[in-house]
């Protein structure tokens, strides 16, 4: 059976494994429901609250149904707090000149690093589980763009562009993932199934729903559409290229907890319902029910500034009074909101509450955000371990698909230092090791930080490379090389300026006999062979003969001295070029590109 995958849609509200209806109801797939049913139900409830579907019933038309979506606000805040400043990677000293540059290329060039981290954080914050697949996109030609030199000619009117191979980092929908763990080791994945439904075009041209299934083990990879096997290949990596990251760990369980658990959702639901009650109370006070006794309502004119008269003696007209004081209700909802902040660990001032401007120090700010910092510390432990596993899969994929990328490249990689390898060994486990380093999430006073680093450098307690790392520099070696190159360039520029300035002063002295800058002072010209200086041939009758200087002894030149002289010659050439420039042959033609 042939299936058209061109219209494949997988994401948002278009998938069928988790979809939301107009009433906010959740529909779940039947796959593995006996084993994964509780987990899928939990995912469904979490996504419903995150997407704003908090009410399980619909109120009457015209009645307010308020939704204060603190679930999404808190989860998004924690995602930005944890991943907002990104993460950097380091490797052991032996591979530090190659591995960090490879990982930077994959995360930032082959993929959109901020978007991938945000999607991972969103899946973990909402469902509690993150599944990330590492795949390789083979180089190929795509329509559009100029022709690629060396490729066969394209048909008339068709243009193609070459797309290089790249390593893909794919966060998966947790509801589509059905892993099978080792019965005695919850961290060992022995089988992974990815299953979801999508819309496609059947061979007869009709639109249908298909079920895609991918089953991965350490040895094989199988792909199914409905009940038909469409591909079965050996696993070239020898390991399952999927990493599971529990958002918040649970002892004895492979699954994680979301940032806003079920008890938080109950508080959010109660808050919405009580705020709807407060809204009803306000509406009743704004438009109260009027009770009329002993008179006909048709005889009474409605509206402001109206006077009623001629009512019967026993008539009575009054408004039905409700709760006159709603402070207790407002205090209750305020207690609910404070409870939600305390359960998640986000201070009430973090979501934009007005507060006086102050110069709070970084330590005081950390104490104020201590509950959030505790949650942040727990999360980065989990995500660091998972991302390091992802990086190992990335390096294994590059070793398999792009073996030349494991060699040190002077044009891309950092400087090769002593003890570092020039070629990564795919058989050495150290090749696949890396560590994650997270910048401080709270704002840091740059001036205080610089003063602290300056004191450490003065006391020889810190290196320049370490200081750059403290300031958030991901590749300090390259930054130090850039600083040294700029200092050398400044020295050469100053030398060229001094050379030009000295030459100009000498010319002025020769023309005017005056020292530049001191008019009136006679020039102190150096004696020449035919000049009239003392002791020279034209120096006068009383000039005394000067002793002859012995001829200088030519030093013995060794290889080091020759290299120094070569460098000095190069510096002289650079100085002359910078001072006087280089006159290149130029040609200017009024006719260009054959237009004339």
Protein backbone atom coordinates (compact mmCIF):
# COMPACT_ATOMS: atom_id res chain seq x y z
CA UNK A 1 0.00 0.00 0.00
CA UNK A 2 1.31 3.44 -0.91
CA UNK A 3 0.63 6.29 1.50
CA UNK A 4 1.15 9.94 0.75
CA UNK A 5 3.05 11.46 3.68
CA UNK A 6 3.22 14.94 2.13
CA UNK A 7 0.26 16.19 4.16
CA UNK A 8 1.46 14.69 7.42
CA UNK A 9 0.53 16.86 10.41
CA UNK A 10 1.69 16.09 13.92
CA UNK A 11 1.42 18.71 16.60
CA UNK A 12 -0.83 21.15 18.35
CA UNK A 13 -4.48 20.25 18.15
CA UNK A 14 -4.12 18.28 14.92
CA UNK A 15 -2.98 14.97 16.40
CA UNK A 16 -5.46 12.31 17.43
CA UNK A 17 -3.69 10.84 20.42
CA UNK A 18 -4.43 13.89 22.54
CA UNK A 19 -7.02 16.28 21.13
CA UNK A 20 -9.26 18.83 22.77
CA UNK A 21 -12.88 19.32 21.76
CA UNK A 22 -14.97 22.45 22.04
CA UNK A 23 -15.90 21.48 25.61
CA UNK A 24 -12.30 20.86 26.61
CA UNK A 25 -12.77 17.10 26.73
CA UNK A 26 -9.73 14.89 26.13
CA UNK A 27 -9.65 11.92 23.78
CA UNK A 28 -6.98 9.27 24.35
CA UNK A 29 -5.62 6.58 22.08
CA UNK A 30 -6.37 2.97 22.99
CA UNK A 31 -2.77 1.83 22.45
CA UNK A 32 -1.18 0.12 25.46
CA UNK A 33 -3.99 1.53 27.61
CA UNK A 34 -3.85 -1.30 30.11
CA UNK A 35 -0.19 -0.57 30.90
CA UNK A 36 0.02 3.15 30.15
CA UNK A 37 -3.59 4.18 30.81
CA UNK A 38 -3.00 6.00 34.14
CA UNK A 39 -0.05 7.86 32.65
CA UNK A 40 -2.03 8.93 29.57
CA UNK A 41 -4.93 10.08 31.75
CA UNK A 42 -2.53 12.17 33.79
CA UNK A 43 -1.05 13.65 30.61
CA UNK A 44 -4.55 14.47 29.36
CA UNK A 45 -5.51 16.29 32.56
CA UNK A 46 -2.22 18.22 32.64
CA UNK A 47 -2.50 19.33 29.00
CA UNK A 48 -6.16 20.31 29.48
CA UNK A 49 -5.25 22.66 32.33
CA UNK A 50 -2.20 24.02 30.51
CA UNK A 51 -4.33 24.81 27.44
CA UNK A 52 -6.98 26.55 29.58
CA UNK A 53 -9.69 23.86 29.66
CA UNK A 54 -10.39 23.98 33.41
CA UNK A 55 -14.17 23.59 33.47
CA UNK A 56 -15.82 20.19 33.13
CA UNK A 57 -19.24 21.76 32.47
CA UNK A 58 -20.65 24.75 30.61
CA UNK A 59 -22.58 27.44 32.47
CA UNK A 60 -25.72 29.00 31.10
CA UNK A 61 -25.40 31.54 28.33
CA UNK A 62 -24.57 34.98 29.76
CA UNK A 63 -23.14 33.59 33.00
CA UNK A 64 -19.44 34.34 33.55
CA UNK A 65 -17.10 31.36 33.40
CA UNK A 66 -13.73 32.76 34.43
CA UNK A 67 -10.47 30.89 33.88
CA UNK A 68 -7.36 32.06 35.69
CA UNK A 69 -4.74 29.85 34.03
CA UNK A 70 -2.06 29.89 36.72
CA UNK A 71 -1.02 26.41 35.57
CA UNK A 72 0.35 27.74 32.29
CA UNK A 73 1.74 30.90 33.90
CA UNK A 74 3.72 28.93 36.48
CA UNK A 75 4.98 26.29 34.04
CA UNK A 76 6.08 28.90 31.49
CA UNK A 77 7.84 30.86 34.23
CA UNK A 78 9.77 27.80 35.40
CA UNK A 79 10.69 26.93 31.79
CA UNK A 80 12.09 30.41 31.19
CA UNK A 81 13.83 30.41 34.58
CA UNK A 82 15.53 27.08 33.89
CA UNK A 83 16.29 27.25 30.16
CA UNK A 84 16.14 30.99 29.44
CA UNK A 85 19.92 31.45 29.50
CA UNK A 86 20.69 28.18 27.74
CA UNK A 87 23.33 25.64 28.63
CA UNK A 88 26.95 25.19 27.57
CA UNK A 89 28.96 22.00 27.11
CA UNK A 90 32.46 21.00 28.14
CA UNK A 91 34.47 17.86 27.57
CA UNK A 92 37.45 16.15 29.23
CA UNK A 93 40.79 17.83 28.55
CA UNK A 94 41.81 15.19 26.03
CA UNK A 95 38.84 15.97 23.75
CA UNK A 96 38.08 19.57 24.75
CA UNK A 97 39.46 21.00 21.50
CA UNK A 98 36.97 19.06 19.31
CA UNK A 99 33.88 17.90 21.20
CA UNK A 100 32.47 21.29 22.37
CA UNK A 101 32.66 22.68 18.83
CA UNK A 102 30.91 19.59 17.43
CA UNK A 103 28.12 19.86 19.98
CA UNK A 104 27.76 23.58 19.32
CA UNK A 105 27.41 22.91 15.61
CA UNK A 106 24.72 20.26 16.15
CA UNK A 107 22.69 22.21 18.71
CA UNK A 108 22.93 25.66 17.14
CA UNK A 109 23.45 25.04 13.40
CA UNK A 110 21.74 21.73 12.74
CA UNK A 111 18.98 22.55 15.26
CA UNK A 112 17.45 25.56 16.95
CA UNK A 113 18.90 25.24 20.43
CA UNK A 114 16.57 27.66 22.30
CA UNK A 115 13.48 26.14 20.64
CA UNK A 116 14.58 22.57 21.41
CA UNK A 117 15.29 23.41 25.06
CA UNK A 118 11.94 25.20 25.39
CA UNK A 119 10.04 22.26 23.92
CA UNK A 120 11.86 19.84 26.22
CA UNK A 121 11.03 22.04 29.19
CA UNK A 122 7.39 22.31 28.13
CA UNK A 123 6.96 18.54 27.73
CA UNK A 124 8.60 17.95 31.10
CA UNK A 125 6.79 20.75 32.90
CA UNK A 126 3.35 19.67 31.66
CA UNK A 127 3.57 15.87 31.55
CA UNK A 128 6.56 15.13 33.78
CA UNK A 129 8.34 13.06 31.11
CA UNK A 130 10.62 14.12 28.26
CA UNK A 131 11.47 11.84 25.34
CA UNK A 132 14.13 13.03 22.89
CA UNK A 133 15.10 11.15 19.73
CA UNK A 134 18.42 11.68 17.91
CA UNK A 135 18.24 11.07 14.16
CA UNK A 136 20.34 11.88 11.11
CA UNK A 137 19.04 13.67 8.03
CA UNK A 138 21.01 12.53 5.00
CA UNK A 139 22.35 15.16 2.54
CA UNK A 140 19.95 15.68 -0.33
CA UNK A 141 18.85 18.04 -3.06
CA UNK A 142 15.79 20.21 -2.66
CA UNK A 143 13.99 22.22 -5.33
CA UNK A 144 14.75 25.95 -5.23
CA UNK A 145 18.01 27.81 -5.24
CA UNK A 146 20.87 27.77 -7.73
CA UNK A 147 22.28 24.65 -9.37
CA UNK A 148 25.06 22.83 -7.54
CA UNK A 149 28.33 22.65 -9.50
CA UNK A 150 29.31 19.10 -10.41
CA UNK A 151 25.80 17.70 -10.20
CA UNK A 152 23.92 16.43 -13.26
CA UNK A 153 22.08 19.15 -15.17
CA UNK A 154 18.56 19.87 -14.00
CA UNK A 155 15.51 19.60 -16.23
CA UNK A 156 14.47 22.85 -17.87
CA UNK A 157 12.79 25.18 -15.40
CA UNK A 158 13.77 23.13 -12.31
CA UNK A 159 16.34 24.40 -9.82
CA UNK A 160 17.71 22.51 -6.84
CA UNK A 161 19.90 23.33 -3.88
CA UNK A 162 22.18 21.03 -1.91
CA UNK A 163 21.23 20.49 1.74
CA UNK A 164 24.08 19.02 3.82
CA UNK A 165 23.51 16.23 6.30
CA UNK A 166 22.66 17.19 9.84
CA UNK A 167 21.98 15.58 13.19
CA UNK A 168 18.40 16.16 14.35
CA UNK A 169 17.38 16.54 18.01
CA UNK A 170 13.67 15.70 18.11
CA UNK A 171 11.61 16.17 21.31
CA UNK A 172 8.70 13.73 21.09
CA UNK A 173 5.15 14.01 22.37
CA UNK A 174 5.19 12.02 25.60
CA UNK A 175 1.73 10.59 24.86
CA UNK A 176 3.08 8.97 21.68
CA UNK A 177 5.89 7.14 23.50
CA UNK A 178 5.54 3.63 24.91
CA UNK A 179 8.89 2.56 26.38
CA UNK A 180 9.66 -0.83 27.86
CA UNK A 181 12.12 -0.80 30.74
CA UNK A 182 14.28 -3.60 32.05
CA UNK A 183 12.31 -5.37 34.80
CA UNK A 184 15.19 -4.98 37.27
CA UNK A 185 16.70 -1.69 36.08
CA UNK A 186 14.39 1.29 35.62
CA UNK A 187 17.11 3.29 33.84
CA UNK A 188 17.70 0.70 31.11
CA UNK A 189 15.49 0.99 28.04
CA UNK A 190 15.19 -2.34 26.18
CA UNK A 191 12.44 -1.49 23.68
CA UNK A 192 10.83 1.71 22.50
CA UNK A 193 7.61 2.14 20.56
CA UNK A 194 6.53 5.42 18.97
CA UNK A 195 2.91 5.36 17.87
CA UNK A 196 0.51 8.05 16.69
CA UNK A 197 -2.24 8.63 14.17
CA UNK A 198 -2.14 11.12 11.31
CA UNK A 199 -4.12 12.20 8.29
CA UNK A 200 -2.92 11.00 4.89
CA UNK A 201 -4.08 10.39 1.34
CA UNK A 202 -5.02 6.80 0.46
CA UNK A 203 -4.17 5.32 -2.95
CA UNK A 204 -7.74 5.96 -4.11
CA UNK A 205 -7.26 9.65 -3.34
CA UNK A 206 -9.43 9.89 -0.21
CA UNK A 207 -8.36 11.40 3.07
CA UNK A 208 -7.94 8.82 5.82
CA UNK A 209 -6.51 8.41 9.27
CA UNK A 210 -3.43 6.17 9.39
CA UNK A 211 -1.58 4.75 12.39
CA UNK A 212 2.20 5.04 12.29
CA UNK A 213 4.29 2.78 14.55
CA UNK A 214 8.06 2.68 14.97
CA UNK A 215 9.61 -0.05 17.11
CA UNK A 216 13.28 0.37 18.06
CA UNK A 217 15.56 -2.08 19.86
CA UNK A 218 19.32 -2.28 20.17
CA UNK A 219 19.46 -4.44 17.05
CA UNK A 220 16.54 -3.52 14.76
CA UNK A 221 14.33 -0.64 13.64
CA UNK A 222 10.87 -1.38 12.24
CA UNK A 223 8.29 0.99 10.79
CA UNK A 224 4.63 0.12 10.36
CA UNK A 225 1.68 1.94 8.80
CA UNK A 226 -1.52 0.43 10.12
CA UNK A 227 -0.70 -3.31 10.00
CA UNK A 228 1.75 -3.19 7.09
CA UNK A 229 5.51 -3.33 7.64
CA UNK A 230 7.10 -0.65 5.44
CA UNK A 231 10.72 -0.83 6.67
CA UNK A 232 12.89 -3.15 8.72
CA UNK A 233 16.60 -2.39 9.10
CA UNK A 234 19.36 -3.21 11.57
CA UNK A 235 20.10 -0.53 14.13
CA UNK A 236 23.47 0.92 13.03
CA UNK A 237 24.14 2.63 16.38
CA UNK A 238 23.69 -0.54 18.40
CA UNK A 239 21.64 1.36 20.98
CA UNK A 240 18.18 2.91 21.14
CA UNK A 241 18.59 6.56 20.01
CA UNK A 242 15.95 7.81 22.45
CA UNK A 243 16.59 9.46 25.82
CA UNK A 244 14.00 9.70 28.59
CA UNK A 245 14.30 12.53 31.11
CA UNK A 246 12.02 12.53 34.18
CA UNK A 247 11.16 16.14 35.02
CA UNK A 248 11.01 15.57 38.81
CA UNK A 249 12.14 12.09 39.93
CA UNK A 250 9.97 9.67 41.87
CA UNK A 251 11.77 7.07 43.93
CA UNK A 252 11.34 3.59 42.51
CA UNK A 253 9.58 4.75 39.34
CA UNK A 254 10.97 5.57 35.88
CA UNK A 255 8.32 8.27 35.36
CA UNK A 256 8.61 11.86 36.45
CA UNK A 257 6.28 14.44 37.97
CA UNK A 258 5.17 17.66 36.27
CA UNK A 259 5.84 21.10 37.69
CA UNK A 260 2.15 21.54 38.59
CA UNK A 261 0.83 18.27 40.02
CA UNK A 262 -2.75 17.20 40.61
CA UNK A 263 -3.07 18.92 43.99
CA UNK A 264 -2.10 22.20 42.33
CA UNK A 265 -4.74 21.67 39.64
CA UNK A 266 -7.40 21.27 42.34
CA UNK A 267 -6.43 24.62 43.82
CA UNK A 268 -6.53 26.25 40.39
CA UNK A 269 -10.01 24.79 39.74
CA UNK A 270 -11.28 25.95 43.14
CA UNK A 271 -9.86 29.42 42.50
CA UNK A 272 -11.72 29.67 39.20
CA UNK A 273 -15.02 28.56 40.73
CA UNK A 274 -14.79 30.93 43.69
CA UNK A 275 -13.85 33.86 41.46
CA UNK A 276 -16.93 33.03 39.37
CA UNK A 277 -18.99 33.18 42.58
CA UNK A 278 -17.49 36.58 43.43
CA UNK A 279 -18.35 37.76 39.92
CA UNK A 280 -21.95 36.59 40.43
CA UNK A 281 -22.17 38.51 43.71
CA UNK A 282 -20.94 41.68 42.03
CA UNK A 283 -23.44 41.21 39.21
CA UNK A 284 -26.31 40.79 41.70
CA UNK A 285 -25.33 44.03 43.44
CA UNK A 286 -25.06 45.86 40.12
CA UNK A 287 -28.47 44.62 38.92
CA UNK A 288 -30.40 43.46 42.01
CA UNK A 289 -33.79 41.73 41.97
CA UNK A 290 -36.63 44.13 42.85
CA UNK A 291 -39.58 42.76 44.89
CA UNK A 292 -42.94 44.55 44.62
CA UNK A 293 -45.79 43.77 47.08
CA UNK A 294 -49.35 45.15 46.86
CA UNK A 295 -48.85 46.94 43.52
CA UNK A 296 -48.74 46.17 39.85
CA UNK A 297 -45.32 46.24 38.26
CA UNK A 298 -46.77 47.61 35.01
CA UNK A 299 -47.75 50.79 36.84
CA UNK A 300 -44.17 51.45 37.97
CA UNK A 301 -41.72 53.13 35.61
CA UNK A 302 -38.22 51.66 35.61
CA UNK A 303 -35.06 53.73 35.41
CA UNK A 304 -32.86 56.08 37.45
CA UNK A 305 -34.19 59.31 39.00
CA UNK A 306 -37.77 58.07 38.87
CA UNK A 307 -40.34 58.93 41.57
CA UNK A 308 -43.10 56.52 42.38
CA UNK A 309 -46.30 57.81 43.96
CA UNK A 310 -49.91 56.76 44.49
CA UNK A 311 -48.97 53.30 45.74
CA UNK A 312 -51.55 51.45 47.85
CA UNK A 313 -51.25 51.76 51.60
CA UNK A 314 -50.09 48.17 52.04
CA UNK A 315 -47.68 48.26 49.06
CA UNK A 316 -43.99 47.57 49.57
CA UNK A 317 -41.11 47.78 47.08
CA UNK A 318 -37.53 46.79 47.92
CA UNK A 319 -34.40 45.17 46.39
CA UNK A 320 -33.47 41.65 47.32
CA UNK A 321 -30.30 42.06 49.31
CA UNK A 322 -27.40 39.65 49.06
CA UNK A 323 -24.07 39.40 50.84
CA UNK A 324 -23.14 42.96 51.63
CA UNK A 325 -19.53 42.15 52.56
CA UNK A 326 -17.48 40.07 50.13
CA UNK A 327 -14.18 40.60 51.95
CA UNK A 328 -14.29 37.09 53.34
CA UNK A 329 -14.68 35.66 49.83
CA UNK A 330 -11.78 37.76 48.55
CA UNK A 331 -9.62 36.67 51.49
CA UNK A 332 -10.40 33.05 50.65
CA UNK A 333 -9.37 33.35 47.00
CA UNK A 334 -6.26 35.23 48.07
CA UNK A 335 -5.40 32.31 50.36
CA UNK A 336 -5.87 29.93 47.42
CA UNK A 337 -3.54 31.97 45.25
CA UNK A 338 -0.92 32.14 47.97
CA UNK A 339 -1.18 28.38 48.40
CA UNK A 340 -0.52 27.83 44.67
CA UNK A 341 2.62 30.00 44.88
CA UNK A 342 3.86 28.10 47.91
CA UNK A 343 3.26 24.67 46.36
CA UNK A 344 5.23 25.47 43.20
CA UNK A 345 7.86 27.62 44.89
CA UNK A 346 7.40 30.78 42.81
CA UNK A 347 7.30 34.02 44.85
CA UNK A 348 4.20 36.15 44.41
CA UNK A 349 6.35 39.07 43.25
CA UNK A 350 7.80 36.98 40.38
CA UNK A 351 4.71 37.25 38.17
CA UNK A 352 4.72 41.02 37.90
CA UNK A 353 3.29 42.15 41.23
CA UNK A 354 4.19 45.75 41.99
CA UNK A 355 7.04 46.14 44.45
CA UNK A 356 9.28 49.06 45.46
CA UNK A 357 12.48 49.48 43.49
CA UNK A 358 15.55 48.53 45.51
CA UNK A 359 19.17 47.60 45.00
CA UNK A 360 18.75 44.12 46.45
CA UNK A 361 22.02 42.19 46.39
CA UNK A 362 22.40 38.88 44.61
CA UNK A 363 22.61 36.98 47.92
CA UNK A 364 19.42 38.59 49.24
CA UNK A 365 17.67 37.87 45.93
CA UNK A 366 18.74 34.23 46.12
CA UNK A 367 17.31 33.95 49.64
CA UNK A 368 14.06 35.54 48.48
CA UNK A 369 13.85 33.04 45.59
CA UNK A 370 15.17 30.10 47.64
CA UNK A 371 12.13 27.82 47.05
CA UNK A 372 12.39 28.41 43.30
CA UNK A 373 16.15 27.86 43.41
CA UNK A 374 15.56 24.52 45.14
CA UNK A 375 13.25 23.43 42.33
CA UNK A 376 15.74 24.74 39.76
CA UNK A 377 18.54 22.68 41.33
CA UNK A 378 16.41 19.52 41.18
CA UNK A 379 15.50 20.10 37.54
CA UNK A 380 19.01 20.78 36.24
CA UNK A 381 20.24 17.56 37.88
CA UNK A 382 17.72 15.59 35.83
CA UNK A 383 18.12 17.55 32.60
CA UNK A 384 21.93 17.62 32.80
CA UNK A 385 22.04 13.84 32.97
CA UNK A 386 19.58 13.54 30.07
CA UNK A 387 21.31 16.11 27.86
CA UNK A 388 24.66 14.42 28.41
CA UNK A 389 23.09 11.19 27.13
CA UNK A 390 21.74 13.11 24.13
CA UNK A 391 25.23 14.47 23.44
CA UNK A 392 26.65 10.93 23.55
CA UNK A 393 24.10 9.85 20.92
CA UNK A 394 25.00 12.91 18.83
CA UNK A 395 28.70 12.02 18.87
CA UNK A 396 27.95 8.38 18.04
CA UNK A 397 25.82 9.47 15.10
CA UNK A 398 28.58 11.78 13.82
CA UNK A 399 31.14 8.97 14.18
CA UNK A 400 28.90 6.76 12.05
CA UNK A 401 27.67 9.26 9.44
CA UNK A 402 30.44 11.89 9.35
CA UNK A 403 33.69 10.25 10.52
CA UNK A 404 35.80 13.14 9.19
CA UNK A 405 34.15 15.49 11.69
CA UNK A 406 36.01 13.68 14.49
CA UNK A 407 39.29 15.20 13.27
CA UNK A 408 40.61 18.48 14.61
CA UNK A 409 40.01 21.36 12.19
CA UNK A 410 42.08 24.50 12.74
CA UNK A 411 39.54 26.65 10.90
CA UNK A 412 36.64 25.64 13.17
CA UNK A 413 37.90 24.09 16.41
CA UNK A 414 39.70 25.82 19.25
CA UNK A 415 43.49 25.78 19.61
CA UNK A 416 44.99 22.34 20.08
CA UNK A 417 46.85 22.25 23.40
CA UNK A 418 49.39 19.84 24.79
CA UNK A 419 47.80 16.55 25.81
CA UNK A 420 44.76 16.96 23.54
CA UNK A 421 44.07 14.52 20.74
CA UNK A 422 43.85 15.61 17.12
CA UNK A 423 41.48 12.77 16.15
CA UNK A 424 38.72 11.32 18.30
CA UNK A 425 38.78 7.57 18.71
CA UNK A 426 35.27 6.08 18.22
CA UNK A 427 36.30 3.07 20.32
CA UNK A 428 37.34 5.19 23.30
CA UNK A 429 34.47 5.87 25.78
CA UNK A 430 35.98 9.24 26.68
CA UNK A 431 35.06 10.47 23.18
CA UNK A 432 31.38 10.49 24.11
CA UNK A 433 31.69 12.21 27.47
CA UNK A 434 30.55 15.77 28.06
CA UNK A 435 29.25 17.87 30.94
CA UNK A 436 26.55 20.54 31.09
CA UNK A 437 27.15 23.93 32.65
CA UNK A 438 24.20 26.19 33.43
CA UNK A 439 24.59 29.94 33.90
CA UNK A 440 23.18 31.52 37.04
CA UNK A 441 19.42 32.04 36.53
CA UNK A 442 19.16 35.07 38.80
CA UNK A 443 20.49 38.46 37.64
CA UNK A 444 24.08 39.19 38.68
CA UNK A 445 25.56 42.63 39.28
CA UNK A 446 28.29 42.78 36.64
CA UNK A 447 30.35 45.37 38.54
CA UNK A 448 30.41 43.29 41.73
CA UNK A 449 31.29 40.19 39.72
CA UNK A 450 34.16 41.97 37.95
CA UNK A 451 35.52 43.28 41.25
CA UNK A 452 35.43 39.77 42.70
CA UNK A 453 37.27 38.35 39.67
CA UNK A 454 39.82 41.18 39.80
CA UNK A 455 40.65 40.37 43.43
CA UNK A 456 41.02 36.66 42.61
CA UNK A 457 43.36 37.44 39.71
CA UNK A 458 45.43 39.75 41.90
CA UNK A 459 45.81 37.02 44.53
CA UNK A 460 46.57 34.40 41.84
CA UNK A 461 43.50 32.43 42.87
CA UNK A 462 41.96 32.39 39.40
CA UNK A 463 43.15 32.11 35.81
CA UNK A 464 42.03 34.28 32.93
CA UNK A 465 40.33 31.28 31.37
CA UNK A 466 38.43 30.58 34.59
CA UNK A 467 37.48 34.24 34.87
CA UNK A 468 35.99 34.19 31.39
CA UNK A 469 34.04 31.06 32.25
CA UNK A 470 32.66 32.79 35.36
CA UNK A 471 31.51 35.63 33.14
CA UNK A 472 29.55 33.19 30.98
CA UNK A 473 31.97 32.76 28.07
CA UNK A 474 31.34 29.36 26.47
CA UNK A 475 34.69 29.16 24.63
CA UNK A 476 37.28 31.05 26.74
CA UNK A 477 40.23 29.78 24.67
CA UNK A 478 38.89 31.46 21.56
CA UNK A 479 38.15 34.65 23.49
CA UNK A 480 41.69 34.74 24.92
CA UNK A 481 43.14 34.21 21.43
CA UNK A 482 40.93 37.02 20.15
CA UNK A 483 42.17 39.33 22.95
CA UNK A 484 45.82 38.49 22.25
CA UNK A 485 45.37 39.06 18.52
CA UNK A 486 43.76 42.42 19.19
CA UNK A 487 46.62 43.45 21.53
CA UNK A 488 49.19 42.45 18.91
CA UNK A 489 47.29 44.36 16.27
CA UNK A 490 47.20 47.44 18.51
CA UNK A 491 50.98 47.22 19.06
CA UNK A 492 51.62 46.99 15.32
CA UNK A 493 49.27 49.90 14.65
CA UNK A 494 51.03 52.06 17.27
CA UNK A 495 54.42 51.05 15.84
CA UNK A 496 53.36 52.00 12.33
CA UNK A 497 52.13 55.37 13.59
CA UNK A 498 55.41 56.00 15.45
CA UNK A 499 57.42 55.02 12.35
CA UNK A 500 55.49 57.44 10.19
CA UNK A 501 55.75 60.18 12.80
CA UNK A 502 59.53 59.74 13.14
CA UNK A 503 59.99 59.83 9.37
CA UNK A 504 57.99 63.05 9.09
CA UNK A 505 60.02 64.70 11.88
CA UNK A 506 63.26 63.70 10.15
CA UNK A 507 62.08 65.23 6.87
CA UNK A 508 61.05 68.46 8.62
CA UNK A 509 64.44 68.63 10.28
CA UNK A 510 66.23 68.20 6.95
CA UNK A 511 64.16 70.90 5.26
CA UNK A 512 64.06 73.56 7.98
CA UNK A 513 66.89 72.74 10.32
CA UNK A 514 64.43 73.07 13.17
CA UNK A 515 63.34 70.35 15.54
CA UNK A 516 59.58 69.83 15.12
CA UNK A 517 57.64 71.03 18.10
CA UNK A 518 60.39 73.44 19.36
CA UNK A 519 60.66 76.42 17.01
CA UNK A 520 63.88 78.35 17.46
CA UNK A 521 65.96 75.41 18.60
CA UNK A 522 68.70 74.53 16.13
CA UNK A 523 68.45 71.11 14.67
CA UNK A 524 70.88 68.55 16.00
CA UNK A 525 71.64 66.80 12.77
CA UNK A 526 73.73 63.67 12.94
CA UNK A 527 77.17 63.87 11.40
CA UNK A 528 77.65 62.50 7.95
CA UNK A 529 80.74 61.27 6.13
CA UNK A 530 81.20 64.59 4.30
CA UNK A 531 79.73 66.90 6.89
CA UNK A 532 81.33 69.51 9.05
CA UNK A 533 80.80 67.85 12.36
CA UNK A 534 83.64 67.60 14.82
CA UNK A 535 86.15 65.09 13.81
CA UNK A 536 84.88 64.84 10.27
CA UNK A 537 86.76 65.70 7.13
CA UNK A 538 85.19 69.17 7.05
CA UNK A 539 85.22 69.69 10.80
CA UNK A 540 87.85 72.45 10.91
CA UNK A 541 91.53 72.76 11.72
CA UNK A 542 91.18 71.96 15.43
CA UNK A 543 89.14 68.87 14.96
CA UNK A 544 90.65 65.85 16.62
CA UNK A 545 90.67 62.52 14.82
CA UNK A 546 88.19 60.10 16.27
CA UNK A 547 89.21 56.57 17.12
CA UNK A 548 88.06 54.00 14.69
CA UNK A 549 85.44 51.54 16.03
CA UNK A 550 86.39 47.91 15.60
CA UNK A 551 84.38 45.97 13.08
CA UNK A 552 81.47 44.15 14.73
CA UNK A 553 81.88 40.46 15.20
CA UNK A 554 79.31 38.47 13.29
CA UNK A 555 77.43 36.24 15.75
CA UNK A 556 76.97 32.57 15.11
CA UNK A 557 73.47 32.09 13.79
CA UNK A 558 71.47 29.18 15.07
CA UNK A 559 67.98 28.09 14.06
CA UNK A 560 66.26 30.01 16.90
CA UNK A 561 68.06 33.24 15.98
CA UNK A 562 67.15 32.79 12.32
CA UNK A 563 63.49 32.40 13.29
CA UNK A 564 63.66 35.54 15.42
CA UNK A 565 65.22 37.49 12.54
CA UNK A 566 62.53 36.16 10.23
CA UNK A 567 59.85 37.35 12.62
CA UNK A 568 61.56 40.74 12.91
CA UNK A 569 61.65 41.03 9.11
CA UNK A 570 57.94 40.20 8.98
CA UNK A 571 57.22 42.83 11.63
CA UNK A 572 59.19 45.41 9.60
CA UNK A 573 57.18 44.57 6.53
CA UNK A 574 53.94 44.89 8.48
CA UNK A 575 55.00 48.26 9.91
CA UNK A 576 55.93 49.63 6.49
CA UNK A 577 52.69 48.33 4.97
CA UNK A 578 50.58 49.84 7.75
CA UNK A 579 52.47 53.15 7.65
CA UNK A 580 52.62 53.71 3.91
CA UNK A 581 50.01 51.31 2.61
CA UNK A 582 50.14 49.19 -0.51
CA UNK A 583 49.39 50.62 -3.90
CA UNK A 584 47.57 47.94 -5.81
CA UNK A 585 47.02 48.22 -9.54
CA UNK A 586 43.55 49.54 -10.21
CA UNK A 587 41.40 49.59 -13.29
CA UNK A 588 38.23 51.51 -13.81
CA UNK A 589 36.12 50.84 -16.88
CA UNK A 590 33.02 52.81 -17.82
CA UNK A 591 31.62 49.70 -19.45
CA UNK A 592 30.71 46.85 -17.10
CA UNK A 593 29.17 43.48 -17.82
CA UNK A 594 29.03 44.28 -21.51
CA UNK A 595 26.61 47.20 -21.10
CA UNK A 596 27.63 50.20 -23.15
